[in-house]
């Protein structure tokens, strides 16, 4: 199928989101609340999602929506022959409210439950990434240049770079030993966090990233970009699904090796 028009529309949605989120970034009157799951939410998160939801009603009235802040709308969700837009208005809200520029709006279109179009827009960094079948994966640099992106071809762990996100979450998942085992085998480790690690992987700047405690709106937009750049992204235990919360993404060459280390039952022995 041709998703050119859907990708163009997703990029238009990203323009709308950027205008709202950038205006509120660094604002002294930014309103912050704590949600029931103990994660922060700002008035900017809600304003971005509300604006995108309204635009979807106008331009894609027959499509459904999954959003982080306002839940779902539409009748056909989760792979029932449907087209579902999946939005995280600000991925990296904790960064956003502390003035750290590493945050982005994530926009995805899933068809029959499979994310096929993905846009990640990080306006405070001056960066954007996008992908769809037939067009591949691309990025816009801070100087306005656009370019196709591709994962690295590194196939041995000793030359690989790993982003692990949060040590606390690995500890809470009782997988800190497995992570430490992996860190001993790779060249370099960093915690870039959130969407950025996956985009660095898609650009070929690192080879492995894995994290826990995710939701579908944290993941969906990343999938087409990583896959169209030649990488692989799965559930840490196997096939990625709408309920996956632990994710492993690699440049594909290292996927089975890394998965075996992180899922090894005898590391603690």
Protein backbone atom coordinates (compact mmCIF):
# COMPACT_ATOMS: atom_id res chain seq x y z
CA UNK A 1 0.00 0.00 0.00
CA UNK A 2 1.02 3.60 -0.59
CA UNK A 3 1.28 5.60 2.63
CA UNK A 4 2.66 8.79 1.07
CA UNK A 5 -0.41 10.88 1.91
CA UNK A 6 -0.56 9.51 5.45
CA UNK A 7 3.09 10.37 5.99
CA UNK A 8 2.56 13.89 4.66
CA UNK A 9 -0.39 14.29 7.00
CA UNK A 10 1.62 12.98 9.96
CA UNK A 11 4.31 15.56 9.20
CA UNK A 12 1.63 18.26 9.16
CA UNK A 13 0.44 17.05 12.57
CA UNK A 14 4.03 17.31 13.80
CA UNK A 15 4.15 20.95 12.63
CA UNK A 16 1.05 21.69 14.68
CA UNK A 17 2.50 19.94 17.72
CA UNK A 18 5.84 21.75 17.45
CA UNK A 19 4.19 25.17 17.39
CA UNK A 20 2.30 24.44 20.61
CA UNK A 21 5.03 22.63 22.53
CA UNK A 22 7.80 25.10 21.69
CA UNK A 23 5.69 28.06 22.75
CA UNK A 24 5.20 26.52 26.21
CA UNK A 25 8.78 25.24 26.63
CA UNK A 26 10.63 27.25 29.32
CA UNK A 27 7.34 28.95 30.27
CA UNK A 28 7.32 30.14 33.86
CA UNK A 29 3.60 29.43 34.16
CA UNK A 30 3.77 25.85 32.84
CA UNK A 31 1.19 23.83 34.77
CA UNK A 32 2.39 20.40 35.94
CA UNK A 33 0.32 17.63 37.52
CA UNK A 34 1.05 14.08 38.64
CA UNK A 35 -1.09 11.40 37.02
CA UNK A 36 -2.36 8.31 38.89
CA UNK A 37 0.59 6.29 37.53
CA UNK A 38 2.90 8.86 39.21
CA UNK A 39 4.19 10.26 35.91
CA UNK A 40 4.08 14.01 35.23
CA UNK A 41 1.82 15.73 32.73
CA UNK A 42 1.83 19.38 31.68
CA UNK A 43 -0.75 21.65 30.10
CA UNK A 44 1.44 21.47 26.97
CA UNK A 45 0.98 17.67 26.75
CA UNK A 46 -2.77 18.07 26.87
CA UNK A 47 -2.87 21.03 24.49
CA UNK A 48 -0.80 19.20 21.87
CA UNK A 49 -2.91 16.07 22.02
CA UNK A 50 -6.18 18.02 21.93
CA UNK A 51 -5.04 19.93 18.83
CA UNK A 52 -3.95 16.77 17.02
CA UNK A 53 -7.17 15.00 17.98
CA UNK A 54 -9.19 17.86 16.50
CA UNK A 55 -7.18 17.79 13.27
CA UNK A 56 -7.66 14.04 12.99
CA UNK A 57 -11.41 14.49 13.33
CA UNK A 58 -11.32 16.90 10.41
CA UNK A 59 -8.92 15.11 8.10
CA UNK A 60 -9.30 11.42 9.05
CA UNK A 61 -12.82 11.09 10.49
CA UNK A 62 -12.99 7.34 9.85
CA UNK A 63 -9.72 6.57 11.64
CA UNK A 64 -9.42 5.84 15.35
CA UNK A 65 -6.99 7.29 17.86
CA UNK A 66 -4.96 6.17 20.85
CA UNK A 67 -3.52 9.07 22.81
CA UNK A 68 -1.55 9.14 26.05
CA UNK A 69 -3.58 11.87 27.76
CA UNK A 70 -7.13 11.43 26.44
CA UNK A 71 -7.27 7.70 25.80
CA UNK A 72 -8.96 6.24 22.74
CA UNK A 73 -11.55 7.43 20.30
CA UNK A 74 -13.16 5.72 17.33
CA UNK A 75 -14.71 2.29 17.15
CA UNK A 76 -12.02 0.18 15.49
CA UNK A 77 -8.94 -0.28 17.64
CA UNK A 78 -6.12 -2.80 18.02
CA UNK A 79 -5.95 -4.54 14.69
CA UNK A 80 -9.60 -5.09 13.77
CA UNK A 81 -9.07 -4.11 10.14
CA UNK A 82 -8.63 -0.57 11.35
CA UNK A 83 -6.44 2.44 10.84
CA UNK A 84 -5.38 3.77 14.23
CA UNK A 85 -3.33 6.88 14.94
CA UNK A 86 -1.20 6.59 18.06
CA UNK A 87 0.11 9.76 19.67
CA UNK A 88 2.41 10.67 22.53
CA UNK A 89 2.11 14.47 22.64
CA UNK A 90 5.39 14.95 24.54
CA UNK A 91 7.66 11.97 25.01
CA UNK A 92 10.07 13.08 27.72
CA UNK A 93 7.71 15.21 29.80
CA UNK A 94 10.13 15.13 32.75
CA UNK A 95 12.80 16.66 30.51
CA UNK A 96 10.31 19.18 29.10
CA UNK A 97 9.27 20.52 32.49
CA UNK A 98 12.91 20.78 33.69
CA UNK A 99 14.11 22.66 30.61
CA UNK A 100 16.03 19.75 29.07
CA UNK A 101 15.55 19.89 25.27
CA UNK A 102 15.42 16.10 24.75
CA UNK A 103 11.68 15.60 24.21
CA UNK A 104 9.53 14.93 21.17
CA UNK A 105 6.06 14.41 19.80
CA UNK A 106 5.53 10.84 18.60
CA UNK A 107 2.97 10.21 15.86
CA UNK A 108 2.22 6.81 14.34
CA UNK A 109 -0.34 5.23 12.06
CA UNK A 110 -1.04 1.54 12.65
CA UNK A 111 -2.92 -0.51 10.08
CA UNK A 112 -4.31 -3.87 11.17
CA UNK A 113 -2.38 -3.41 14.41
CA UNK A 114 1.01 -2.86 12.72
CA UNK A 115 2.69 0.59 12.94
CA UNK A 116 3.50 1.57 9.36
CA UNK A 117 4.01 5.34 9.51
CA UNK A 118 6.13 7.02 12.15
CA UNK A 119 7.11 10.62 12.86
CA UNK A 120 9.28 11.75 15.76
CA UNK A 121 9.61 15.53 16.05
CA UNK A 122 12.02 17.10 18.56
CA UNK A 123 11.75 20.86 17.90
CA UNK A 124 13.90 22.01 20.83
CA UNK A 125 16.72 19.90 19.37
CA UNK A 126 15.97 21.10 15.86
CA UNK A 127 15.52 17.50 14.70
CA UNK A 128 12.85 15.35 13.10
CA UNK A 129 12.70 11.73 11.91
CA UNK A 130 10.08 9.94 9.78
CA UNK A 131 9.46 6.71 7.90
CA UNK A 132 6.91 4.74 5.91
CA UNK A 133 6.97 1.75 3.55
CA UNK A 134 8.21 2.75 0.11
CA UNK A 135 9.90 5.92 1.34
CA UNK A 136 12.39 4.53 3.84
CA UNK A 137 13.57 6.37 6.95
CA UNK A 138 14.75 9.98 6.90
CA UNK A 139 15.80 12.77 9.21
CA UNK A 140 15.95 16.55 9.16
CA UNK A 141 19.08 18.00 10.75
CA UNK A 142 19.31 21.19 12.79
CA UNK A 143 20.58 23.09 9.72
CA UNK A 144 17.50 22.05 7.72
CA UNK A 145 19.17 19.34 5.64
CA UNK A 146 17.18 16.15 5.09
CA UNK A 147 18.83 12.79 4.55
CA UNK A 148 18.01 9.08 4.49
CA UNK A 149 19.18 7.13 7.53
CA UNK A 150 20.37 3.58 8.03
CA UNK A 151 21.49 1.47 10.97
CA UNK A 152 25.13 0.52 11.41
CA UNK A 153 26.57 -2.75 10.14
CA UNK A 154 28.48 -3.54 13.33
CA UNK A 155 28.08 -7.23 14.01
CA UNK A 156 30.24 -7.84 17.09
CA UNK A 157 29.43 -6.72 20.62
CA UNK A 158 32.93 -5.46 21.40
CA UNK A 159 32.45 -2.62 18.92
CA UNK A 160 28.79 -1.92 19.77
CA UNK A 161 27.30 1.02 21.66
CA UNK A 162 24.41 0.42 24.09
CA UNK A 163 21.78 2.75 25.52
CA UNK A 164 19.99 1.27 28.54
CA UNK A 165 17.84 4.21 29.72
CA UNK A 166 17.06 3.80 33.45
CA UNK A 167 19.08 1.60 35.82
CA UNK A 168 16.29 1.93 38.37
CA UNK A 169 13.77 0.33 36.01
CA UNK A 170 16.16 -2.53 35.20
CA UNK A 171 16.56 -3.08 38.93
CA UNK A 172 12.79 -3.01 39.48
CA UNK A 173 12.40 -5.59 36.70
CA UNK A 174 14.96 -7.79 38.50
CA UNK A 175 17.14 -7.67 35.35
CA UNK A 176 20.04 -5.52 36.51
CA UNK A 177 22.42 -8.51 36.48
CA UNK A 178 21.53 -9.26 32.86
CA UNK A 179 22.08 -5.65 31.87
CA UNK A 180 25.45 -5.53 33.63
CA UNK A 181 26.46 -8.71 31.83
CA UNK A 182 25.68 -7.01 28.52
CA UNK A 183 27.55 -3.83 29.44
CA UNK A 184 30.71 -5.87 30.04
CA UNK A 185 30.58 -7.15 26.48
CA UNK A 186 30.00 -3.91 24.55
CA UNK A 187 32.31 -1.04 23.67
CA UNK A 188 30.34 1.85 25.15
CA UNK A 189 27.28 2.46 27.34
CA UNK A 190 25.15 5.57 27.72
CA UNK A 191 21.62 6.41 28.87
CA UNK A 192 20.33 8.73 26.15
CA UNK A 193 16.74 8.09 27.16
CA UNK A 194 13.28 8.07 25.65
CA UNK A 195 12.87 8.39 21.87
CA UNK A 196 16.40 9.67 21.24
CA UNK A 197 18.18 6.35 21.73
CA UNK A 198 16.01 4.74 19.05
CA UNK A 199 16.66 7.57 16.61
CA UNK A 200 20.41 7.34 17.22
CA UNK A 201 20.13 3.62 16.51
CA UNK A 202 18.25 4.29 13.27
CA UNK A 203 20.96 6.78 12.25
CA UNK A 204 23.73 4.25 12.90
CA UNK A 205 25.18 6.07 15.92
CA UNK A 206 24.53 3.18 18.32
CA UNK A 207 23.60 -0.47 17.95
CA UNK A 208 21.47 -1.50 20.94
CA UNK A 209 18.81 0.09 23.09
CA UNK A 210 16.41 -1.54 25.53
CA UNK A 211 14.05 -0.30 28.22
CA UNK A 212 11.03 -1.13 30.36
CA UNK A 213 7.72 0.32 31.53
CA UNK A 214 6.56 1.51 28.12
CA UNK A 215 3.10 1.84 26.59
CA UNK A 216 1.93 1.60 22.99
CA UNK A 217 2.16 5.37 22.50
CA UNK A 218 5.82 5.29 23.63
CA UNK A 219 6.67 2.62 21.06
CA UNK A 220 4.48 2.84 17.95
CA UNK A 221 6.15 5.79 16.17
CA UNK A 222 9.60 4.31 16.73
CA UNK A 223 8.83 1.02 15.00
CA UNK A 224 8.58 2.19 11.34
CA UNK A 225 11.66 4.40 11.70
CA UNK A 226 13.84 1.66 13.19
CA UNK A 227 12.57 -0.97 10.75
CA UNK A 228 12.75 1.19 7.63
CA UNK A 229 16.32 2.12 8.61
CA UNK A 230 17.16 -1.59 8.57
CA UNK A 231 16.97 -2.28 12.30
CA UNK A 232 14.89 -4.63 14.41
CA UNK A 233 12.60 -3.80 17.31
CA UNK A 234 10.79 -6.43 19.37
CA UNK A 235 9.36 -7.14 22.77
CA UNK A 236 12.23 -8.12 25.05
CA UNK A 237 10.68 -11.59 25.31
CA UNK A 238 9.68 -12.02 21.68
CA UNK A 239 7.18 -10.56 19.24
CA UNK A 240 6.14 -6.93 19.70
CA UNK A 241 2.46 -6.40 20.48
CA UNK A 242 0.08 -3.65 21.58
CA UNK A 243 0.63 -4.71 25.20
CA UNK A 244 4.44 -4.84 25.10
CA UNK A 245 6.12 -2.81 27.84
CA UNK A 246 9.74 -4.03 27.62
CA UNK A 247 11.44 -3.39 24.29
CA UNK A 248 14.69 -4.35 22.59
CA UNK A 249 15.89 -2.54 19.46
CA UNK A 250 19.11 -3.27 17.60
CA UNK A 251 20.76 -2.82 14.23
CA UNK A 252 19.44 -6.37 13.51
CA UNK A 253 22.92 -7.89 13.24
CA UNK A 254 23.16 -8.14 17.04
CA UNK A 255 19.55 -8.83 17.92
CA UNK A 256 19.66 -12.55 18.65
CA UNK A 257 22.93 -12.26 20.58
CA UNK A 258 21.67 -9.43 22.78
CA UNK A 259 18.30 -11.10 23.31
CA UNK A 260 20.01 -14.27 24.48
CA UNK A 261 22.12 -12.36 27.03
CA UNK A 262 19.19 -10.35 28.41
CA UNK A 263 16.96 -13.40 28.63
CA UNK A 264 19.58 -15.82 29.98
CA UNK A 265 18.15 -17.70 33.01
CA UNK A 266 21.47 -18.48 34.68
CA UNK A 267 23.32 -15.18 34.75
CA UNK A 268 22.94 -14.81 38.50
CA UNK A 269 24.42 -18.29 39.13
